[in-house]
Protein backbone atom coordinates (compact mmCIF):
# COMPACT_ATOMS: atom_id res chain seq x y z
CA UNK A 1 -40.91 -34.65 -19.20
CA UNK A 2 -38.80 -32.57 -21.66
CA UNK A 3 -41.06 -30.02 -20.81
CA UNK A 4 -39.90 -30.66 -17.19
CA UNK A 5 -36.42 -30.81 -18.23
CA UNK A 6 -36.34 -27.19 -19.84
CA UNK A 7 -38.16 -25.99 -17.08
CA UNK A 8 -34.95 -27.26 -14.92
CA UNK A 9 -32.69 -26.30 -17.11
CA UNK A 10 -34.37 -22.75 -17.32
CA UNK A 11 -34.12 -22.24 -13.41
CA UNK A 12 -30.49 -24.11 -13.00
CA UNK A 13 -29.72 -20.57 -15.63
CA UNK A 14 -31.28 -18.39 -13.71
CA UNK A 15 -29.66 -18.99 -10.76
CA UNK A 16 -26.14 -20.07 -12.16
CA UNK A 17 -26.17 -16.23 -13.09
CA UNK A 18 -27.26 -14.85 -9.80
CA UNK A 19 -24.33 -16.65 -8.75
CA UNK A 20 -21.27 -14.27 -9.19
CA UNK A 21 -19.75 -11.89 -6.85
CA UNK A 22 -22.09 -11.14 -3.90
CA UNK A 23 -21.60 -8.33 -1.16
CA UNK A 24 -21.78 -11.22 1.96
CA UNK A 25 -20.83 -9.76 5.48
CA UNK A 26 -19.37 -13.45 6.33
CA UNK A 27 -19.67 -16.84 5.30
CA UNK A 28 -22.76 -18.79 5.53
CA UNK A 29 -24.08 -22.77 5.90
CA UNK A 30 -22.35 -24.54 3.18
CA UNK A 31 -21.50 -21.56 1.29
CA UNK A 32 -17.89 -20.35 2.08
CA UNK A 33 -18.11 -17.47 -0.30
CA UNK A 34 -17.81 -13.60 0.84
CA UNK A 35 -16.23 -11.64 3.86
CA UNK A 36 -14.54 -13.70 6.84
CA UNK A 37 -13.10 -10.44 9.25
CA UNK A 38 -10.47 -10.40 12.05
CA UNK A 39 -9.90 -7.87 14.13
CA UNK A 40 -5.61 -8.78 15.45
CA UNK A 41 -4.14 -7.37 18.64
CA UNK A 42 -2.57 -5.10 17.05
CA UNK A 43 -5.17 -3.09 16.15
CA UNK A 44 -5.06 -4.27 12.96
CA UNK A 45 -7.66 -6.52 10.03
CA UNK A 46 -7.45 -9.69 8.57
CA UNK A 47 -9.75 -9.72 6.36
CA UNK A 48 -10.51 -12.12 3.56
CA UNK A 49 -12.89 -12.63 0.20
CA UNK A 50 -13.92 -15.95 -0.62
CA UNK A 51 -15.26 -15.51 -4.61
CA UNK A 52 -17.13 -17.83 -6.08
CA UNK A 53 -16.34 -19.93 -9.65
CA UNK A 54 -17.97 -17.55 -11.28
CA UNK A 55 -16.46 -14.48 -9.85
CA UNK A 56 -13.77 -12.31 -11.35
CA UNK A 57 -10.21 -11.45 -9.90
CA UNK A 58 -11.40 -7.59 -10.38
CA UNK A 59 -14.73 -8.20 -9.18
CA UNK A 60 -13.51 -9.68 -5.86
CA UNK A 61 -10.26 -7.12 -5.85
CA UNK A 62 -13.41 -4.47 -5.37
CA UNK A 63 -15.04 -6.41 -2.99
CA UNK A 64 -12.32 -6.40 -0.34
CA UNK A 65 -11.30 -2.79 -0.65
CA UNK A 66 -15.48 -2.08 0.21
CA UNK A 67 -15.30 -3.75 3.05
CA UNK A 68 -11.83 -2.32 3.88
CA UNK A 69 -13.32 0.94 3.83
CA UNK A 70 -16.09 0.25 5.58
CA UNK A 71 -14.50 -1.48 8.72
CA UNK A 72 -12.38 2.17 8.14
CA UNK A 73 -15.21 4.31 8.48
CA UNK A 74 -14.22 6.03 5.32
CA UNK A 75 -11.44 6.94 6.41
CA UNK A 76 -8.15 6.11 4.53
CA UNK A 77 -6.23 3.16 5.03
CA UNK A 78 -2.72 0.27 4.49
CA UNK A 79 -3.18 -2.96 2.85
CA UNK A 80 -1.06 -5.86 1.45
CA UNK A 81 -2.93 -8.44 -0.35
CA UNK A 82 -2.36 -11.55 -1.63
CA UNK A 83 -4.72 -13.46 -4.17
CA UNK A 84 -4.97 -17.22 -4.30
CA UNK A 85 -7.83 -19.81 -4.69
CA UNK A 86 -9.20 -21.89 -2.51
CA UNK A 87 -10.97 -25.23 -2.81
CA UNK A 88 -15.08 -25.29 -2.43
CA UNK A 89 -17.12 -28.46 -2.63
CA UNK A 90 -19.87 -28.12 -4.84
CA UNK A 91 -23.10 -30.41 -3.98
CA UNK A 92 -26.20 -31.32 -7.07
CA UNK A 93 -29.16 -33.35 -6.71
CA UNK A 94 -30.47 -34.48 -9.27
CA UNK A 95 -32.77 -37.23 -7.87
CA UNK A 96 -32.21 -40.23 -7.29
CA UNK A 97 -28.67 -39.20 -7.60
CA UNK A 98 -26.46 -37.00 -5.15
CA UNK A 99 -23.27 -35.78 -6.55
CA UNK A 100 -20.36 -34.26 -5.00
CA UNK A 101 -17.42 -32.49 -6.10
CA UNK A 102 -14.61 -30.59 -6.02
CA UNK A 103 -13.65 -26.38 -7.78
CA UNK A 104 -11.59 -23.63 -7.74
CA UNK A 105 -12.68 -20.06 -6.79
CA UNK A 106 -10.48 -17.72 -6.26
CA UNK A 107 -10.12 -15.18 -3.19
CA UNK A 108 -8.03 -12.38 -1.76
CA UNK A 109 -6.35 -12.11 1.73
CA UNK A 110 -5.01 -9.59 3.30
CA UNK A 111 -3.71 -7.29 5.84
CA UNK A 112 -5.32 -3.96 6.12
CA UNK A 113 -4.74 -0.62 9.12
CA UNK A 114 -6.68 2.01 9.51
CA UNK A 115 -4.80 5.30 8.79
CA UNK A 116 -6.40 8.05 11.65
CA UNK A 117 -7.97 10.96 11.01
CA UNK A 118 -4.32 13.29 11.93
CA UNK A 119 -2.36 10.97 9.07
CA UNK A 120 -5.50 11.59 6.80
CA UNK A 121 -4.79 15.73 7.67
CA UNK A 122 -1.69 15.08 7.47
CA UNK A 123 -1.85 13.56 3.83
CA UNK A 124 -3.78 16.01 2.41
CA UNK A 125 -1.40 19.07 3.67
């Protein structure tokens, strides 16, 4: 019995350590961790990154800008962001028990506009 609890504890620690900031292009399943992006009518993007409860704010900011660069194909961009927290549902199953709780996690939301190649050239000169 104690051996089984140690194995379960080790698995839990490994799982928790692997769920920090991840680079995921969209939300999946019950998890909202990752990106949501939407191309708006004016040609700008609304980009949001939802971190996990283990995410560091600075890491989320870096991942937001990494995705922004990808959306703009490596070109420069203008952005306006705001930092927030979102509330996620957390589920734990320890048979025969099922626990649901809420946890706060950092997020960053912003609007970005990709600069044209002409604008990038003008800024260099």
